[in-house]
Amino acid sequence: MIGWIGLGVVVLLLVYVVAAYNGLVGLKVRAENSWADIDVQLKRRYELIPNLVETVKGYAGHETGTLETVVQARNRALSAQGPAAKAEAESALSRSLQSLFALGEAYPQLRAVEAFTRLQGSLSDIEEAIQNARRYYNAVVRDLNTKIQQVPSNIVAGMFHFTPREFFEITSSAERQAPKVSFSAPS
């Protein structure tokens, strides 16, 4: 009788370990897959940037500082490894692209160019896709990291060397701050 109870406990424990392991593996695979989705969207973004820079160069070529900053930021983003480094590089790239699009405001003839507006629209669509992919990735990473830390699945995670993953989030505190709005008249 005691032997059957002991065997039952061992079987239940084994079933739990297998279920916990499979749950962790499933979350790990989803995290890898969702990171690959982000990577695809980022590559689409990187492919658009040279066309955008060339278009601006044709109408505002003397703005070489801005154009060089965009190209350098793109190159740093391309070579960044891991979610934290990638997020920091992407933040810098986004800031440099904002200054590039500000040139469109300074040069009305540039805004009238169909290629510029088309590239700007494509980039906007890609930015939205990146944002959606980032949200999904971070949700999966949150679930994985929670499961790795919760008792008793943390025991299984430790036995099989599951480690928490990094979130893909904005690292610049300047980008997290709300813009300052002032209704006072300039002096």
Protein backbone atom coordinates (compact mmCIF):
# COMPACT_ATOMS: atom_id res chain seq x y z
CA MET A 1 0.00 0.00 0.00
CA ILE A 2 2.73 2.48 0.97
CA GLY A 3 4.65 1.42 -2.12
CA TRP A 4 1.70 2.37 -4.35
CA ILE A 5 1.37 5.76 -2.66
CA GLY A 6 5.09 6.39 -3.10
CA LEU A 7 4.88 5.33 -6.73
CA GLY A 8 1.87 7.62 -7.22
CA VAL A 9 3.74 10.57 -5.72
CA VAL A 10 6.76 9.91 -7.96
CA VAL A 11 4.53 9.66 -11.04
CA LEU A 12 2.72 12.91 -10.15
CA LEU A 13 6.05 14.64 -9.56
CA LEU A 14 7.37 13.36 -12.88
CA VAL A 15 4.19 14.51 -14.67
CA TYR A 16 4.57 17.97 -13.10
CA VAL A 17 8.26 18.24 -14.11
CA VAL A 18 7.41 17.27 -17.69
CA ALA A 19 4.49 19.73 -17.83
CA ALA A 20 6.54 22.57 -16.33
CA TYR A 21 9.46 21.85 -18.68
CA ASN A 22 7.17 21.79 -21.71
CA GLY A 23 5.56 25.07 -20.63
CA LEU A 24 8.97 26.71 -20.28
CA VAL A 25 10.13 25.37 -23.64
CA GLY A 26 6.94 26.64 -25.29
CA LEU A 27 7.47 30.13 -23.87
CA LYS A 28 11.15 30.09 -24.86
CA VAL A 29 10.28 29.15 -28.44
CA ARG A 30 7.56 31.84 -28.58
CA ALA A 31 10.10 34.40 -27.29
CA GLU A 32 12.63 33.40 -29.95
CA ASN A 33 9.95 33.50 -32.64
CA SER A 34 8.66 36.90 -31.55
CA TRP A 35 12.23 38.27 -31.47
CA ALA A 36 12.64 37.01 -35.04
CA ASP A 37 9.47 38.93 -35.97
CA ILE A 38 10.97 42.11 -34.52
CA ASP A 39 14.18 41.46 -36.41
CA VAL A 40 12.29 41.13 -39.71
CA GLN A 41 10.53 44.46 -39.15
CA LEU A 42 13.78 46.16 -38.19
CA LYS A 43 15.46 44.85 -41.36
CA ARG A 44 12.59 46.26 -43.44
CA ARG A 45 13.17 49.59 -41.70
CA TYR A 46 16.93 49.47 -42.35
CA GLU A 47 16.33 48.76 -46.05
CA LEU A 48 14.15 51.87 -46.42
CA ILE A 49 16.58 54.28 -44.78
CA PRO A 50 19.18 54.46 -47.62
CA ASN A 51 16.40 55.28 -50.11
CA LEU A 52 15.08 57.95 -47.79
CA VAL A 53 18.54 59.46 -47.30
CA GLU A 54 19.17 59.50 -51.07
CA THR A 55 15.82 61.20 -51.69
CA VAL A 56 16.57 63.90 -49.11
CA LYS A 57 20.10 64.28 -50.43
CA GLY A 58 18.69 65.21 -53.83
CA TYR A 59 16.71 68.13 -52.38
CA ALA A 60 18.65 69.08 -49.26
CA GLY A 61 22.13 67.75 -49.97
CA HIS A 62 23.80 70.50 -47.97
CA GLU A 63 22.24 69.01 -44.80
CA THR A 64 25.06 66.46 -44.69
CA GLY A 65 25.29 66.46 -40.88
CA THR A 66 21.74 65.21 -40.53
CA LEU A 67 22.16 62.67 -43.30
CA GLU A 68 25.41 61.34 -41.84
CA THR A 69 23.81 61.05 -38.39
CA VAL A 70 21.00 58.93 -39.83
CA VAL A 71 23.42 56.65 -41.68
CA GLN A 72 25.63 56.23 -38.60
CA ALA A 73 22.61 55.50 -36.39
CA ARG A 74 21.39 52.92 -38.92
CA ASN A 75 24.79 51.22 -38.96
CA ARG A 76 24.92 51.10 -35.15
CA ALA A 77 21.39 49.64 -35.05
CA LEU A 78 22.33 47.02 -37.64
CA SER A 79 25.30 45.83 -35.58
CA ALA A 80 23.63 45.95 -32.14
CA GLN A 81 23.18 42.56 -30.47
CA GLY A 82 20.56 41.61 -27.89
CA PRO A 83 17.33 43.34 -26.93
CA ALA A 84 18.85 45.98 -24.61
CA ALA A 85 21.59 47.08 -27.05
CA LYS A 86 19.16 46.91 -29.96
CA ALA A 87 16.62 49.05 -28.08
CA GLU A 88 19.24 51.71 -27.31
CA ALA A 89 20.43 51.78 -30.92
CA GLU A 90 16.85 51.92 -32.20
CA SER A 91 16.11 54.87 -29.92
CA ALA A 92 19.06 56.75 -31.41
CA LEU A 93 17.94 55.82 -34.92
CA SER A 94 14.41 57.06 -34.23
CA ARG A 95 15.75 60.40 -32.99
CA SER A 96 17.91 60.80 -36.09
CA LEU A 97 14.96 59.92 -38.36
CA GLN A 98 12.88 62.58 -36.62
CA SER A 99 15.51 65.17 -37.51
CA LEU A 100 15.51 63.85 -41.08
CA PHE A 101 11.74 64.26 -41.32
CA ALA A 102 12.08 67.74 -39.84
CA LEU A 103 13.97 68.61 -43.02
CA GLY A 104 10.71 67.94 -44.84
CA GLU A 105 9.23 70.82 -42.89
CA ALA A 106 12.17 73.07 -43.70
CA TYR A 107 12.14 72.21 -47.41
CA PRO A 108 8.60 72.34 -48.84
CA GLN A 109 9.85 71.09 -52.21
CA LEU A 110 10.94 67.89 -50.44
CA ARG A 111 7.44 67.32 -49.03
CA ALA A 112 6.10 67.60 -52.57
CA VAL A 113 8.28 64.73 -53.79
CA GLU A 114 6.16 61.60 -54.12
CA ALA A 115 9.06 59.27 -53.30
CA PHE A 116 9.72 61.08 -50.01
CA THR A 117 6.09 60.95 -48.90
CA ARG A 118 5.79 57.30 -49.98
CA LEU A 119 8.95 56.35 -48.07
CA GLN A 120 7.77 58.33 -45.07
CA GLY A 121 4.42 56.49 -45.16
CA SER A 122 6.14 53.10 -45.52
CA LEU A 123 8.40 53.89 -42.61
CA SER A 124 5.40 54.89 -40.52
CA ASP A 125 3.72 51.55 -41.31
CA ILE A 126 6.88 49.67 -40.38
CA GLU A 127 7.17 51.63 -37.12
CA GLU A 128 3.65 50.49 -36.22
CA ALA A 129 4.52 46.87 -37.07
CA ILE A 130 7.66 47.13 -34.91
CA GLN A 131 5.60 48.51 -32.05
CA ASN A 132 3.12 45.62 -32.30
CA ALA A 133 5.89 43.02 -32.53
CA ARG A 134 7.64 44.63 -29.56
CA ARG A 135 4.49 44.48 -27.45
CA TYR A 136 4.00 40.81 -28.25
CA TYR A 137 7.66 39.97 -27.59
CA ASN A 138 7.61 41.78 -24.24
CA ALA A 139 4.40 39.98 -23.23
CA VAL A 140 5.94 36.59 -24.01
CA VAL A 141 9.16 37.53 -22.19
CA ARG A 142 7.12 38.68 -19.20
CA ASP A 143 5.31 35.31 -19.12
CA LEU A 144 8.57 33.37 -19.49
CA ASN A 145 10.40 35.39 -16.83
CA THR A 146 7.44 35.05 -14.45
CA LYS A 147 7.34 31.28 -14.91
CA ILE A 148 11.11 31.05 -14.37
CA GLN A 149 10.78 32.91 -11.05
CA GLN A 150 7.57 31.36 -9.67
CA VAL A 151 7.61 28.48 -7.23
CA PRO A 152 7.62 25.53 -8.03
CA SER A 153 8.37 26.01 -11.74
CA ASN A 154 11.56 27.87 -10.76
CA ILE A 155 12.96 24.53 -9.59
CA VAL A 156 12.40 22.99 -13.02
CA ALA A 157 13.77 26.14 -14.68
CA GLY A 158 16.91 25.90 -12.56
CA MET A 159 17.35 22.19 -13.26
CA PHE A 160 17.24 22.78 -17.02
CA HIS A 161 19.11 26.13 -17.02
CA PHE A 162 16.32 28.40 -18.25
CA THR A 163 17.37 32.03 -17.84
CA PRO A 164 15.29 35.21 -17.91
CA ARG A 165 15.26 37.19 -21.15
CA GLU A 166 15.70 40.91 -21.67
CA PHE A 167 12.76 43.11 -22.60
CA PHE A 168 12.92 45.20 -25.76
CA GLU A 169 12.08 48.63 -24.45
CA ILE A 170 13.00 52.26 -24.86
CA THR A 171 16.09 53.02 -22.82
CA SER A 172 16.25 56.78 -23.24
CA SER A 173 14.67 58.69 -20.38
CA ALA A 174 14.19 61.68 -22.69
CA GLU A 175 11.86 59.66 -24.90
CA ARG A 176 9.78 58.59 -21.89
CA GLN A 177 9.07 62.14 -20.82
CA ALA A 178 5.92 63.85 -22.00
CA PRO A 179 6.51 66.81 -24.28
CA LYS A 180 6.31 70.19 -22.60
CA VAL A 181 3.36 72.27 -23.77
CA SER A 182 3.22 75.97 -23.14
CA PHE A 183 0.43 78.35 -24.05
CA SER A 184 2.32 81.49 -23.03
CA ALA A 185 3.26 83.97 -25.71
CA PRO A 186 6.94 84.06 -26.66
CA SER A 187 8.78 86.99 -25.13
